[in-house]
Amino acid sequence: MKFETTNEIEKFSFRDAKITELHKSGDDLVLNLEGLIVLPGNSMNREFSASYAQGAILRFVGFEMEAGIKEGLKKYDANENLVAVIEDEPLDGEGLEDLLMKKMPLSWLYDVQEITAEEEHREAVLGIEMPKENESDPTEVTDAYQMKIRYQKCQIGFEGYLSRVQV
């Protein structure tokens, strides 16, 4: 990797990030991403503008899953009347493993928020959205998940910069 950062999650934007590959390596979780945005305040960003990273790899060292939910939603009719409420669904150990190994590959990692940042103990919440089954259907609702993880450090590496992000 030409560019590498450690514990700079807040200096990246994941809004366009798609997981292209996911695997465990010992106690580490490794995600290959496309569409990761390097923000201006990042230690590796000498351009001082938001740019897409080429060949991004996100590694959570000492990774452990803590909790997860399948996000609920509210459905409305065309007149904005509430039709149905689907509550958040907590995931157990088997559900978390299924989310991690079966559903997350090729899904969207739309957000990563670090919630604890201590010397040897860090926690983050990952926002994950499943891809559409029918790209031509603008009304299709996809499942979204939140996963809370624990790790020792977060390393993000990438090969270079692609185009600037258009706002």
N, C-alpha and C. Protein backbone atom coordinates (compact mmCIF):
# COMPACT_ATOMS: atom_id res chain seq x y z
N MET A 1 0.83 -1.18 0.00
CA MET A 1 0.00 0.00 0.00
C MET A 1 0.88 1.25 0.00
N LYS A 2 0.54 2.17 -0.86
CA LYS A 2 1.30 3.43 -0.92
C LYS A 2 0.92 4.36 0.24
N PHE A 3 -0.35 4.33 0.62
CA PHE A 3 -0.84 5.20 1.67
C PHE A 3 -1.47 4.34 2.77
N GLU A 4 -1.08 4.57 4.01
CA GLU A 4 -1.64 3.81 5.14
C GLU A 4 -1.89 4.74 6.31
N THR A 5 -3.02 4.54 6.97
CA THR A 5 -3.36 5.30 8.17
C THR A 5 -3.71 4.33 9.29
N THR A 6 -3.60 4.79 10.51
CA THR A 6 -4.00 4.00 11.68
C THR A 6 -4.90 4.86 12.55
N ASN A 7 -6.06 4.31 12.88
CA ASN A 7 -7.04 4.95 13.77
C ASN A 7 -7.47 6.33 13.29
N GLU A 8 -7.78 6.44 11.99
CA GLU A 8 -8.28 7.70 11.43
C GLU A 8 -9.65 7.50 10.77
N ILE A 9 -10.50 6.69 11.38
CA ILE A 9 -11.82 6.40 10.79
C ILE A 9 -12.59 7.68 10.46
N GLU A 10 -12.54 8.65 11.37
CA GLU A 10 -13.32 9.88 11.20
C GLU A 10 -12.81 10.74 10.05
N LYS A 11 -11.66 10.39 9.48
CA LYS A 11 -11.09 11.17 8.39
C LYS A 11 -11.33 10.51 7.03
N PHE A 12 -12.32 9.62 7.01
CA PHE A 12 -12.80 8.98 5.78
C PHE A 12 -14.31 9.09 5.75
N SER A 13 -14.88 9.12 4.57
CA SER A 13 -16.33 9.04 4.41
C SER A 13 -16.64 7.71 3.74
N PHE A 14 -17.61 7.01 4.30
CA PHE A 14 -17.99 5.69 3.79
C PHE A 14 -19.30 5.74 3.01
N ARG A 15 -19.82 6.93 2.73
CA ARG A 15 -21.15 7.05 2.13
C ARG A 15 -21.29 6.33 0.80
N ASP A 16 -20.21 6.19 0.02
CA ASP A 16 -20.26 5.52 -1.28
C ASP A 16 -19.51 4.18 -1.26
N ALA A 17 -19.13 3.70 -0.09
CA ALA A 17 -18.25 2.52 0.00
C ALA A 17 -19.00 1.21 -0.19
N LYS A 18 -18.49 0.40 -1.08
CA LYS A 18 -19.04 -0.93 -1.33
C LYS A 18 -17.98 -1.96 -0.96
N ILE A 19 -18.41 -3.00 -0.24
CA ILE A 19 -17.50 -4.08 0.15
C ILE A 19 -17.36 -5.01 -1.05
N THR A 20 -16.16 -5.14 -1.58
CA THR A 20 -15.94 -6.03 -2.73
C THR A 20 -15.41 -7.39 -2.28
N GLU A 21 -14.82 -7.43 -1.10
CA GLU A 21 -14.32 -8.69 -0.55
C GLU A 21 -14.21 -8.55 0.96
N LEU A 22 -14.47 -9.63 1.67
CA LEU A 22 -14.40 -9.64 3.12
C LEU A 22 -13.81 -10.96 3.56
N HIS A 23 -12.87 -10.94 4.49
CA HIS A 23 -12.37 -12.19 5.07
C HIS A 23 -11.76 -11.94 6.44
N LYS A 24 -11.70 -13.00 7.22
CA LYS A 24 -11.03 -12.95 8.51
C LYS A 24 -9.61 -13.47 8.31
N SER A 25 -8.68 -12.82 9.00
CA SER A 25 -7.28 -13.23 8.95
C SER A 25 -6.80 -13.28 10.40
N GLY A 26 -6.81 -14.46 11.00
CA GLY A 26 -6.51 -14.58 12.42
C GLY A 26 -7.58 -13.86 13.22
N ASP A 27 -7.18 -12.88 14.03
CA ASP A 27 -8.12 -12.08 14.81
C ASP A 27 -8.50 -10.78 14.11
N ASP A 28 -8.16 -10.65 12.84
CA ASP A 28 -8.44 -9.42 12.10
C ASP A 28 -9.61 -9.60 11.14
N LEU A 29 -10.35 -8.53 10.91
CA LEU A 29 -11.37 -8.49 9.88
C LEU A 29 -10.85 -7.57 8.78
N VAL A 30 -10.82 -8.07 7.55
CA VAL A 30 -10.27 -7.33 6.42
C VAL A 30 -11.37 -7.11 5.38
N LEU A 31 -11.58 -5.84 5.01
CA LEU A 31 -12.59 -5.48 4.02
C LEU A 31 -11.91 -4.76 2.86
N ASN A 32 -12.10 -5.25 1.66
CA ASN A 32 -11.68 -4.52 0.46
C ASN A 32 -12.85 -3.63 0.05
N LEU A 33 -12.57 -2.36 -0.19
CA LEU A 33 -13.63 -1.39 -0.47
C LEU A 33 -13.39 -0.66 -1.77
N GLU A 34 -14.46 -0.35 -2.45
CA GLU A 34 -14.39 0.61 -3.55
C GLU A 34 -15.33 1.75 -3.20
N GLY A 35 -14.99 2.94 -3.61
CA GLY A 35 -15.83 4.11 -3.32
C GLY A 35 -15.55 4.74 -1.97
N LEU A 36 -14.45 4.36 -1.29
CA LEU A 36 -14.09 4.99 -0.03
C LEU A 36 -13.57 6.40 -0.32
N ILE A 37 -14.00 7.37 0.48
CA ILE A 37 -13.63 8.76 0.28
C ILE A 37 -12.61 9.19 1.34
N VAL A 38 -11.48 9.72 0.88
CA VAL A 38 -10.45 10.26 1.76
C VAL A 38 -10.78 11.73 1.97
N LEU A 39 -11.00 12.12 3.21
CA LEU A 39 -11.39 13.49 3.52
C LEU A 39 -10.18 14.42 3.62
N PRO A 40 -10.40 15.73 3.49
CA PRO A 40 -9.29 16.69 3.50
C PRO A 40 -8.39 16.63 4.73
N GLY A 41 -8.91 16.35 5.92
CA GLY A 41 -8.10 16.35 7.13
C GLY A 41 -7.29 15.09 7.35
N ASN A 42 -7.35 14.14 6.44
CA ASN A 42 -6.64 12.88 6.58
C ASN A 42 -5.13 13.09 6.48
N SER A 43 -4.36 12.37 7.29
CA SER A 43 -2.91 12.53 7.30
C SER A 43 -2.25 12.16 5.97
N MET A 44 -2.91 11.35 5.15
CA MET A 44 -2.36 10.94 3.86
C MET A 44 -2.88 11.77 2.69
N ASN A 45 -3.76 12.74 2.97
CA ASN A 45 -4.36 13.54 1.90
C ASN A 45 -3.60 14.85 1.74
N ARG A 46 -2.78 14.91 0.73
CA ARG A 46 -2.02 16.13 0.46
C ARG A 46 -2.74 17.06 -0.52
N GLU A 47 -3.87 16.61 -1.02
CA GLU A 47 -4.64 17.40 -1.98
C GLU A 47 -5.59 18.38 -1.30
N PHE A 48 -5.91 18.17 -0.03
CA PHE A 48 -6.80 19.02 0.73
C PHE A 48 -8.20 19.12 0.11
N SER A 49 -8.61 18.04 -0.55
CA SER A 49 -9.97 17.94 -1.06
C SER A 49 -10.42 16.48 -0.91
N ALA A 50 -11.70 16.27 -0.88
CA ALA A 50 -12.23 14.91 -0.76
C ALA A 50 -12.03 14.18 -2.09
N SER A 51 -11.38 13.01 -2.02
CA SER A 51 -11.09 12.21 -3.22
C SER A 51 -11.36 10.74 -2.95
N TYR A 52 -11.70 10.02 -4.00
CA TYR A 52 -11.91 8.59 -3.87
C TYR A 52 -10.57 7.87 -3.78
N ALA A 53 -10.52 6.84 -2.95
CA ALA A 53 -9.30 6.04 -2.78
C ALA A 53 -9.33 4.86 -3.75
N GLN A 54 -8.18 4.55 -4.32
CA GLN A 54 -8.05 3.41 -5.22
C GLN A 54 -7.51 2.22 -4.43
N GLY A 55 -8.18 1.07 -4.56
CA GLY A 55 -7.70 -0.16 -3.93
C GLY A 55 -7.68 -0.10 -2.41
N ALA A 56 -8.75 0.39 -1.78
CA ALA A 56 -8.78 0.58 -0.33
C ALA A 56 -8.97 -0.74 0.41
N ILE A 57 -8.21 -0.90 1.49
CA ILE A 57 -8.34 -2.06 2.37
C ILE A 57 -8.48 -1.56 3.80
N LEU A 58 -9.56 -1.97 4.44
CA LEU A 58 -9.87 -1.61 5.82
C LEU A 58 -9.62 -2.84 6.69
N ARG A 59 -8.76 -2.70 7.70
CA ARG A 59 -8.42 -3.83 8.57
C ARG A 59 -8.69 -3.44 10.03
N PHE A 60 -9.57 -4.23 10.67
CA PHE A 60 -9.80 -4.09 12.10
C PHE A 60 -8.95 -5.14 12.79
N VAL A 61 -7.89 -4.70 13.47
CA VAL A 61 -6.95 -5.59 14.16
C VAL A 61 -7.53 -5.97 15.52
N GLY A 62 -7.53 -7.27 15.85
CA GLY A 62 -8.10 -7.73 17.12
C GLY A 62 -9.61 -7.60 17.14
N PHE A 63 -10.25 -7.94 16.04
CA PHE A 63 -11.68 -7.76 15.81
C PHE A 63 -12.54 -8.72 16.64
N GLU A 64 -13.62 -8.19 17.22
CA GLU A 64 -14.66 -8.99 17.89
C GLU A 64 -16.01 -8.36 17.60
N MET A 65 -17.03 -9.19 17.34
CA MET A 65 -18.39 -8.69 17.18
C MET A 65 -19.01 -8.57 18.56
N GLU A 66 -19.72 -7.47 18.80
CA GLU A 66 -20.37 -7.28 20.09
C GLU A 66 -21.88 -7.42 20.01
N ALA A 67 -22.48 -6.76 19.04
CA ALA A 67 -23.94 -6.75 18.93
C ALA A 67 -24.33 -6.33 17.53
N GLY A 68 -25.60 -6.55 17.21
CA GLY A 68 -26.10 -6.12 15.91
C GLY A 68 -27.60 -6.10 15.87
N ILE A 69 -28.13 -5.31 14.95
CA ILE A 69 -29.57 -5.27 14.73
C ILE A 69 -29.85 -5.19 13.24
N LYS A 70 -30.99 -5.75 12.87
CA LYS A 70 -31.56 -5.50 11.55
C LYS A 70 -32.49 -4.31 11.76
N GLU A 71 -32.24 -3.24 11.02
CA GLU A 71 -33.00 -2.01 11.23
C GLU A 71 -34.46 -2.19 10.83
N GLY A 72 -35.33 -1.66 11.64
CA GLY A 72 -36.75 -1.65 11.33
C GLY A 72 -37.07 -0.49 10.39
N LEU A 73 -38.35 -0.36 10.08
CA LEU A 73 -38.77 0.75 9.22
C LEU A 73 -40.25 1.02 9.39
N LYS A 74 -40.66 2.16 8.88
CA LYS A 74 -42.08 2.53 8.86
C LYS A 74 -42.52 2.62 7.42
N LYS A 75 -43.69 2.05 7.13
CA LYS A 75 -44.24 2.10 5.78
C LYS A 75 -45.45 3.03 5.76
N TYR A 76 -45.48 3.87 4.72
CA TYR A 76 -46.57 4.83 4.55
C TYR A 76 -47.23 4.62 3.20
N ASP A 77 -48.51 4.98 3.11
CA ASP A 77 -49.18 4.93 1.81
C ASP A 77 -48.93 6.25 1.07
N ALA A 78 -49.55 6.40 -0.09
CA ALA A 78 -49.32 7.58 -0.93
C ALA A 78 -49.82 8.87 -0.27
N ASN A 79 -50.73 8.75 0.69
CA ASN A 79 -51.26 9.92 1.40
C ASN A 79 -50.53 10.19 2.71
N GLU A 80 -49.39 9.57 2.88
CA GLU A 80 -48.55 9.71 4.07
C GLU A 80 -49.21 9.20 5.34
N ASN A 81 -50.09 8.21 5.20
CA ASN A 81 -50.68 7.55 6.35
C ASN A 81 -49.82 6.35 6.71
N LEU A 82 -49.53 6.20 8.00
CA LEU A 82 -48.72 5.09 8.46
C LEU A 82 -49.46 3.77 8.22
N VAL A 83 -48.83 2.86 7.49
CA VAL A 83 -49.45 1.57 7.15
C VAL A 83 -48.91 0.46 8.04
N ALA A 84 -47.60 0.47 8.30
CA ALA A 84 -47.00 -0.60 9.10
C ALA A 84 -45.72 -0.10 9.76
N VAL A 85 -45.43 -0.71 10.90
CA VAL A 85 -44.18 -0.43 11.61
C VAL A 85 -43.48 -1.76 11.81
N ILE A 86 -42.25 -1.83 11.34
CA ILE A 86 -41.43 -3.02 11.55
C ILE A 86 -40.33 -2.61 12.53
N GLU A 87 -40.31 -3.24 13.69
CA GLU A 87 -39.35 -2.88 14.75
C GLU A 87 -37.95 -3.40 14.42
N ASP A 88 -36.95 -2.77 15.04
CA ASP A 88 -35.58 -3.28 14.94
C ASP A 88 -35.56 -4.71 15.46
N GLU A 89 -34.72 -5.54 14.83
CA GLU A 89 -34.62 -6.95 15.21
C GLU A 89 -33.20 -7.24 15.70
N PRO A 90 -33.04 -7.48 17.01
CA PRO A 90 -31.69 -7.79 17.52
C PRO A 90 -31.17 -9.09 16.90
N LEU A 91 -29.87 -9.15 16.67
CA LEU A 91 -29.25 -10.35 16.11
C LEU A 91 -28.50 -11.09 17.22
N ASP A 92 -28.66 -12.41 17.25
CA ASP A 92 -27.91 -13.22 18.20
C ASP A 92 -26.56 -13.60 17.59
N GLY A 93 -25.79 -14.43 18.26
CA GLY A 93 -24.47 -14.82 17.78
C GLY A 93 -24.49 -15.42 16.39
N GLU A 94 -25.45 -16.31 16.13
CA GLU A 94 -25.56 -16.94 14.81
C GLU A 94 -25.98 -15.92 13.75
N GLY A 95 -26.89 -15.03 14.11
CA GLY A 95 -27.32 -13.98 13.18
C GLY A 95 -26.20 -13.01 12.85
N LEU A 96 -25.36 -12.70 13.84
CA LEU A 96 -24.21 -11.82 13.60
C LEU A 96 -23.20 -12.48 12.67
N GLU A 97 -22.93 -13.75 12.89
CA GLU A 97 -21.97 -14.47 12.03
C GLU A 97 -22.50 -14.57 10.61
N ASP A 98 -23.82 -14.79 10.46
CA ASP A 98 -24.45 -14.84 9.14
C ASP A 98 -24.34 -13.48 8.45
N LEU A 99 -24.59 -12.41 9.20
CA LEU A 99 -24.46 -11.06 8.64
C LEU A 99 -23.03 -10.82 8.17
N LEU A 100 -22.07 -11.17 9.01
CA LEU A 100 -20.67 -10.92 8.70
C LEU A 100 -20.19 -11.71 7.49
N MET A 101 -20.40 -12.98 7.47
CA MET A 101 -19.79 -13.83 6.46
C MET A 101 -20.64 -14.04 5.20
N LYS A 102 -21.95 -13.91 5.31
CA LYS A 102 -22.80 -14.19 4.14
C LYS A 102 -23.43 -12.94 3.53
N LYS A 103 -23.83 -12.00 4.36
CA LYS A 103 -24.55 -10.84 3.84
C LYS A 103 -23.66 -9.64 3.54
N MET A 104 -22.62 -9.44 4.36
CA MET A 104 -21.78 -8.25 4.18
C MET A 104 -20.98 -8.24 2.88
N PRO A 105 -20.43 -9.36 2.43
CA PRO A 105 -19.71 -9.29 1.15
C PRO A 105 -20.63 -8.78 0.03
N LEU A 106 -20.16 -7.83 -0.72
CA LEU A 106 -20.86 -7.18 -1.84
C LEU A 106 -22.00 -6.28 -1.39
N SER A 107 -22.04 -5.90 -0.12
CA SER A 107 -23.04 -4.96 0.36
C SER A 107 -22.40 -3.57 0.47
N TRP A 108 -23.20 -2.60 0.88
CA TRP A 108 -22.72 -1.22 1.04
C TRP A 108 -22.35 -0.99 2.50
N LEU A 109 -21.18 -0.47 2.74
CA LEU A 109 -20.74 -0.07 4.08
C LEU A 109 -20.90 1.45 4.11
N TYR A 110 -22.12 1.90 4.39
CA TYR A 110 -22.41 3.32 4.21
C TYR A 110 -21.96 4.21 5.36
N ASP A 111 -21.57 3.60 6.50
CA ASP A 111 -21.15 4.42 7.63
C ASP A 111 -20.30 3.61 8.59
N VAL A 112 -19.29 4.24 9.16
CA VAL A 112 -18.50 3.67 10.25
C VAL A 112 -18.30 4.80 11.25
N GLN A 113 -18.82 4.61 12.46
CA GLN A 113 -18.71 5.62 13.51
C GLN A 113 -17.95 5.03 14.69
N GLU A 114 -16.80 5.60 15.01
CA GLU A 114 -16.05 5.15 16.18
C GLU A 114 -16.71 5.75 17.41
N ILE A 115 -17.07 4.89 18.38
CA ILE A 115 -17.77 5.36 19.57
C ILE A 115 -16.90 5.32 20.83
N THR A 116 -15.85 4.52 20.81
CA THR A 116 -14.88 4.46 21.91
C THR A 116 -13.49 4.41 21.30
N ALA A 117 -12.60 5.28 21.79
CA ALA A 117 -11.25 5.33 21.24
C ALA A 117 -10.24 5.43 22.38
N GLU A 118 -10.01 4.30 23.04
CA GLU A 118 -9.01 4.24 24.10
C GLU A 118 -7.76 3.55 23.56
N GLU A 119 -6.70 3.54 24.35
CA GLU A 119 -5.40 3.01 23.91
C GLU A 119 -5.50 1.60 23.33
N GLU A 120 -6.01 0.64 24.07
CA GLU A 120 -6.07 -0.75 23.62
C GLU A 120 -7.49 -1.24 23.36
N HIS A 121 -8.47 -0.36 23.46
CA HIS A 121 -9.87 -0.76 23.34
C HIS A 121 -10.61 0.28 22.50
N ARG A 122 -11.06 -0.14 21.36
CA ARG A 122 -11.82 0.74 20.48
C ARG A 122 -13.12 0.05 20.09
N GLU A 123 -14.16 0.84 19.88
CA GLU A 123 -15.45 0.31 19.44
C GLU A 123 -15.97 1.19 18.31
N ALA A 124 -16.68 0.56 17.39
CA ALA A 124 -17.30 1.29 16.29
C ALA A 124 -18.62 0.63 15.93
N VAL A 125 -19.47 1.40 15.28
CA VAL A 125 -20.72 0.88 14.75
C VAL A 125 -20.64 0.98 13.23
N LEU A 126 -20.89 -0.15 12.57
CA LEU A 126 -20.86 -0.21 11.11
C LEU A 126 -22.29 -0.16 10.59
N GLY A 127 -22.56 0.69 9.62
CA GLY A 127 -23.85 0.73 8.94
C GLY A 127 -23.74 -0.03 7.63
N ILE A 128 -24.58 -1.03 7.46
CA ILE A 128 -24.49 -1.93 6.31
C ILE A 128 -25.85 -1.98 5.61
N GLU A 129 -25.84 -1.82 4.29
CA GLU A 129 -27.08 -1.92 3.52
C GLU A 129 -26.90 -2.95 2.42
N MET A 130 -27.88 -3.83 2.30
CA MET A 130 -27.83 -4.86 1.27
C MET A 130 -28.07 -4.25 -0.10
N PRO A 131 -27.47 -4.83 -1.14
CA PRO A 131 -27.69 -4.29 -2.49
C PRO A 131 -29.11 -4.59 -2.97
N LYS A 132 -29.57 -3.78 -3.91
CA LYS A 132 -30.88 -4.02 -4.51
C LYS A 132 -30.85 -5.30 -5.34
N GLU A 133 -31.96 -6.00 -5.34
CA GLU A 133 -32.07 -7.18 -6.20
C GLU A 133 -32.47 -6.77 -7.60
N ASN A 134 -33.25 -5.67 -7.71
CA ASN A 134 -33.70 -5.18 -9.00
C ASN A 134 -33.31 -3.70 -9.11
N GLU A 135 -32.19 -3.43 -9.74
CA GLU A 135 -31.67 -2.06 -9.85
C GLU A 135 -32.63 -1.10 -10.56
N SER A 136 -33.51 -1.62 -11.40
CA SER A 136 -34.42 -0.75 -12.14
C SER A 136 -35.66 -0.36 -11.33
N ASP A 137 -35.83 -0.91 -10.12
CA ASP A 137 -36.98 -0.59 -9.28
C ASP A 137 -36.59 0.44 -8.22
N PRO A 138 -36.97 1.72 -8.42
CA PRO A 138 -36.57 2.76 -7.47
C PRO A 138 -37.30 2.66 -6.12
N THR A 139 -38.35 1.86 -6.04
CA THR A 139 -39.11 1.74 -4.80
C THR A 139 -38.70 0.54 -3.96
N GLU A 140 -37.76 -0.25 -4.45
CA GLU A 140 -37.35 -1.44 -3.71
C GLU A 140 -36.71 -1.06 -2.37
N VAL A 141 -37.18 -1.70 -1.32
CA VAL A 141 -36.63 -1.49 0.02
C VAL A 141 -35.62 -2.59 0.30
N THR A 142 -34.43 -2.19 0.73
CA THR A 142 -33.40 -3.18 1.04
C THR A 142 -33.18 -3.23 2.54
N ASP A 143 -32.70 -4.36 3.02
CA ASP A 143 -32.43 -4.52 4.44
C ASP A 143 -31.19 -3.73 4.83
N ALA A 144 -31.22 -3.15 6.02
CA ALA A 144 -30.08 -2.41 6.56
C ALA A 144 -29.79 -2.94 7.96
N TYR A 145 -28.52 -2.91 8.32
CA TYR A 145 -28.07 -3.46 9.60
C TYR A 145 -27.12 -2.49 10.27
N GLN A 146 -27.03 -2.59 11.58
CA GLN A 146 -26.04 -1.90 12.37
C GLN A 146 -25.29 -2.98 13.15
N MET A 147 -23.96 -2.96 13.11
CA MET A 147 -23.16 -3.93 13.84
C MET A 147 -22.15 -3.19 14.70
N LYS A 148 -22.17 -3.48 15.99
CA LYS A 148 -21.21 -2.90 16.92
C LYS A 148 -20.04 -3.86 17.05
N ILE A 149 -18.82 -3.33 16.86
CA ILE A 149 -17.63 -4.16 16.92
C ILE A 149 -16.62 -3.58 17.91
N ARG A 150 -15.71 -4.43 18.34
CA ARG A 150 -14.60 -4.04 19.20
C ARG A 150 -13.32 -4.42 18.47
N TYR A 151 -12.27 -3.62 18.63
CA TYR A 151 -11.00 -3.90 17.96
C TYR A 151 -9.89 -3.15 18.69
N GLN A 152 -8.66 -3.51 18.38
CA GLN A 152 -7.50 -2.85 19.00
C GLN A 152 -7.07 -1.63 18.19
N LYS A 153 -7.05 -1.77 16.87
CA LYS A 153 -6.73 -0.62 16.02
C LYS A 153 -7.35 -0.84 14.64
N CYS A 154 -7.50 0.26 13.94
CA CYS A 154 -8.08 0.24 12.60
C CYS A 154 -7.03 0.77 11.62
N GLN A 155 -6.69 -0.04 10.63
CA GLN A 155 -5.74 0.38 9.62
C GLN A 155 -6.47 0.49 8.29
N ILE A 156 -6.24 1.57 7.59
CA ILE A 156 -6.83 1.75 6.26
C ILE A 156 -5.68 2.08 5.31
N GLY A 157 -5.56 1.27 4.27
CA GLY A 157 -4.53 1.50 3.26
C GLY A 157 -5.16 1.62 1.89
N PHE A 158 -4.49 2.34 1.00
CA PHE A 158 -4.98 2.44 -0.38
C PHE A 158 -3.81 2.74 -1.29
N GLU A 159 -3.99 2.43 -2.57
CA GLU A 159 -2.91 2.53 -3.55
C GLU A 159 -2.72 3.93 -4.14
N GLY A 160 -3.79 4.68 -4.20
CA GLY A 160 -3.68 6.00 -4.81
C GLY A 160 -5.00 6.73 -4.76
N TYR A 161 -5.04 7.85 -5.44
CA TYR A 161 -6.24 8.68 -5.49
C TYR A 161 -6.88 8.58 -6.86
N LEU A 162 -8.18 8.54 -6.85
CA LEU A 162 -8.94 8.61 -8.09
C LEU A 162 -9.50 10.04 -8.20
N SER A 163 -10.65 10.21 -8.77
CA SER A 163 -11.19 11.56 -8.97
C SER A 163 -11.66 12.20 -7.68
N ARG A 164 -11.76 13.51 -7.71
CA ARG A 164 -12.31 14.24 -6.58
C ARG A 164 -13.79 13.94 -6.46
N VAL A 165 -14.29 14.03 -5.26
CA VAL A 165 -15.71 13.79 -4.99
C VAL A 165 -16.51 15.01 -5.42
N GLN A 166 -17.55 14.79 -6.20
CA GLN A 166 -18.42 15.87 -6.64
C GLN A 166 -19.52 16.04 -5.59
N VAL A 167 -19.67 17.23 -5.09
CA VAL A 167 -20.66 17.49 -4.04
C VAL A 167 -22.00 17.80 -4.64
